[in-house]
Amino acid sequence: MKGDWVEIVVDAGGDGTRTYEVAASRAGRRVEVATRRGVVEVSEVTRTGTSVRTARFMASRVLALVEHPTEAAEARPGD
């Protein structure tokens, strides 16, 4: 849903940490998170399931992954 976003905090080695954000930028899009083979993948996806953009991080470097749903998604009953 437009307005959903995911915040990813990654260990950048000697430089400390870096923070990345992936957001659903248009109506009908959503943000999906998947962990496969040691890689965390965060994608903005259309209604039909087509990935618009994807961010990939090594799972061992991810310190935090926070999902921020929109208020409308939290208010929907039974979802």
C-alpha atoms as a PDB file:
ATOM      1  CA  MET A   1       0.000   0.000   0.000  1.00  0.00           C
ATOM      2  CA  LYS A   2       1.294   3.472  -0.812  1.00  0.00           C
ATOM      3  CA  GLY A   3       3.129   4.859   2.170  1.00  0.00           C
ATOM      4  CA  ASP A   4       4.432   1.506   3.437  1.00  0.00           C
ATOM      5  CA  TRP A   5       8.183   1.583   3.924  1.00  0.00           C
ATOM      6  CA  VAL A   6      10.987  -0.557   5.273  1.00  0.00           C
ATOM      7  CA  GLU A   7      14.073   0.777   7.031  1.00  0.00           C
ATOM      8  CA  ILE A   8      17.257  -1.341   6.873  1.00  0.00           C
ATOM      9  CA  VAL A   9      20.295  -0.679   9.097  1.00  0.00           C
ATOM     10  CA  VAL A  10      23.482  -2.302   7.778  1.00  0.00           C
ATOM     11  CA  ASP A  11      26.943  -2.688   9.332  1.00  0.00           C
ATOM     12  CA  ALA A  12      29.317  -0.823   7.007  1.00  0.00           C
ATOM     13  CA  GLY A  13      32.519  -2.134   8.579  1.00  0.00           C
ATOM     14  CA  GLY A  14      34.923   0.526   9.803  1.00  0.00           C
ATOM     15  CA  ASP A  15      32.549   3.319   8.732  1.00  0.00           C
ATOM     16  CA  GLY A  16      29.906   2.368  11.330  1.00  0.00           C
ATOM     17  CA  THR A  17      26.362   1.819  10.061  1.00  0.00           C
ATOM     18  CA  ARG A  18      24.320   2.896   7.066  1.00  0.00           C
ATOM     19  CA  THR A  19      20.556   3.220   6.866  1.00  0.00           C
ATOM     20  CA  TYR A  20      18.548   2.489   3.719  1.00  0.00           C
ATOM     21  CA  GLU A  21      14.830   2.930   3.054  1.00  0.00           C
ATOM     22  CA  VAL A  22      12.582   1.245   0.499  1.00  0.00           C
ATOM     23  CA  ALA A  23       9.078   2.676   0.147  1.00  0.00           C
ATOM     24  CA  ALA A  24       5.913   1.916  -1.810  1.00  0.00           C
ATOM     25  CA  SER A  25       5.888   5.100  -3.866  1.00  0.00           C
ATOM     26  CA  ARG A  26       2.584   4.752  -5.761  1.00  0.00           C
ATOM     27  CA  ALA A  27      -0.936   3.566  -5.070  1.00  0.00           C
ATOM     28  CA  GLY A  28      -1.319  -0.199  -5.386  1.00  0.00           C
ATOM     29  CA  ARG A  29       2.303  -0.988  -4.639  1.00  0.00           C
ATOM     30  CA  ARG A  30       3.611  -2.773  -1.574  1.00  0.00           C
ATOM     31  CA  VAL A  31       6.962  -3.593  -0.009  1.00  0.00           C
ATOM     32  CA  GLU A  32       7.952  -7.242   0.447  1.00  0.00           C
ATOM     33  CA  VAL A  33      10.840  -8.652   2.494  1.00  0.00           C
ATOM     34  CA  ALA A  34      12.432 -12.051   1.821  1.00  0.00           C
ATOM     35  CA  THR A  35      15.472 -13.848   3.203  1.00  0.00           C
ATOM     36  CA  ARG A  36      17.088 -16.385   0.879  1.00  0.00           C
ATOM     37  CA  ARG A  37      20.504 -18.055   1.043  1.00  0.00           C
ATOM     38  CA  GLY A  38      22.035 -15.490   3.369  1.00  0.00           C
ATOM     39  CA  VAL A  39      20.659 -12.487   1.481  1.00  0.00           C
ATOM     40  CA  VAL A  40      17.915 -10.134   2.679  1.00  0.00           C
ATOM     41  CA  GLU A  41      15.907  -8.820  -0.272  1.00  0.00           C
ATOM     42  CA  VAL A  42      13.522  -5.860   0.043  1.00  0.00           C
ATOM     43  CA  SER A  43      11.369  -5.184  -3.029  1.00  0.00           C
ATOM     44  CA  GLU A  44       8.761  -2.668  -4.118  1.00  0.00           C
ATOM     45  CA  VAL A  45       6.122  -4.740  -5.909  1.00  0.00           C
ATOM     46  CA  THR A  46       3.147  -3.801  -8.117  1.00  0.00           C
ATOM     47  CA  ARG A  47      -0.375  -5.236  -7.823  1.00  0.00           C
ATOM     48  CA  THR A  48       0.461  -7.924 -10.372  1.00  0.00           C
ATOM     49  CA  GLY A  49       3.589  -9.021  -8.494  1.00  0.00           C
ATOM     50  CA  THR A  50       6.165  -7.392 -10.768  1.00  0.00           C
ATOM     51  CA  SER A  51       9.186  -6.120  -8.870  1.00  0.00           C
ATOM     52  CA  VAL A  52       9.832  -2.425  -9.585  1.00  0.00           C
ATOM     53  CA  ARG A  53      13.041  -2.089  -7.582  1.00  0.00           C
ATOM     54  CA  THR A  54      14.947  -4.358  -5.235  1.00  0.00           C
ATOM     55  CA  ALA A  55      17.578  -3.805  -2.564  1.00  0.00           C
ATOM     56  CA  ARG A  56      19.766  -6.748  -1.517  1.00  0.00           C
ATOM     57  CA  PHE A  57      21.919  -7.004   1.603  1.00  0.00           C
ATOM     58  CA  MET A  58      24.074  -9.759   3.098  1.00  0.00           C
ATOM     59  CA  ALA A  59      22.075 -11.142   6.041  1.00  0.00           C
ATOM     60  CA  SER A  60      25.183 -11.220   8.236  1.00  0.00           C
ATOM     61  CA  ARG A  61      25.556  -7.429   7.815  1.00  0.00           C
ATOM     62  CA  VAL A  62      21.923  -6.478   8.542  1.00  0.00           C
ATOM     63  CA  LEU A  63      21.618  -5.106  12.086  1.00  0.00           C
ATOM     64  CA  ALA A  64      17.947  -4.115  11.987  1.00  0.00           C
ATOM     65  CA  LEU A  65      15.035  -4.314   9.590  1.00  0.00           C
ATOM     66  CA  VAL A  66      11.959  -2.291  10.566  1.00  0.00           C
ATOM     67  CA  GLU A  67       8.681  -2.402   8.636  1.00  0.00           C
ATOM     68  CA  HIS A  68       6.515   0.727   8.837  1.00  0.00           C
ATOM     69  CA  PRO A  69       2.950   0.055   7.607  1.00  0.00           C
ATOM     70  CA  THR A  70       0.648   2.960   6.765  1.00  0.00           C
ATOM     71  CA  GLU A  71      -2.041   3.894   9.253  1.00  0.00           C
ATOM     72  CA  ALA A  72      -4.766   2.769   6.842  1.00  0.00           C
ATOM     73  CA  ALA A  73      -3.266  -0.750   6.741  1.00  0.00           C
ATOM     74  CA  GLU A  74      -3.289  -0.923  10.542  1.00  0.00           C
ATOM     75  CA  ALA A  75      -6.941   0.156  10.696  1.00  0.00           C
ATOM     76  CA  ARG A  76      -8.260  -2.497   8.270  1.00  0.00           C
ATOM     77  CA  PRO A  77     -10.246  -5.138  10.201  1.00  0.00           C
ATOM     78  CA  GLY A  78      -9.570  -8.807   9.505  1.00  0.00           C
ATOM     79  CA  ASP A  79      -6.438  -8.260   7.441  1.00  0.00           C
END
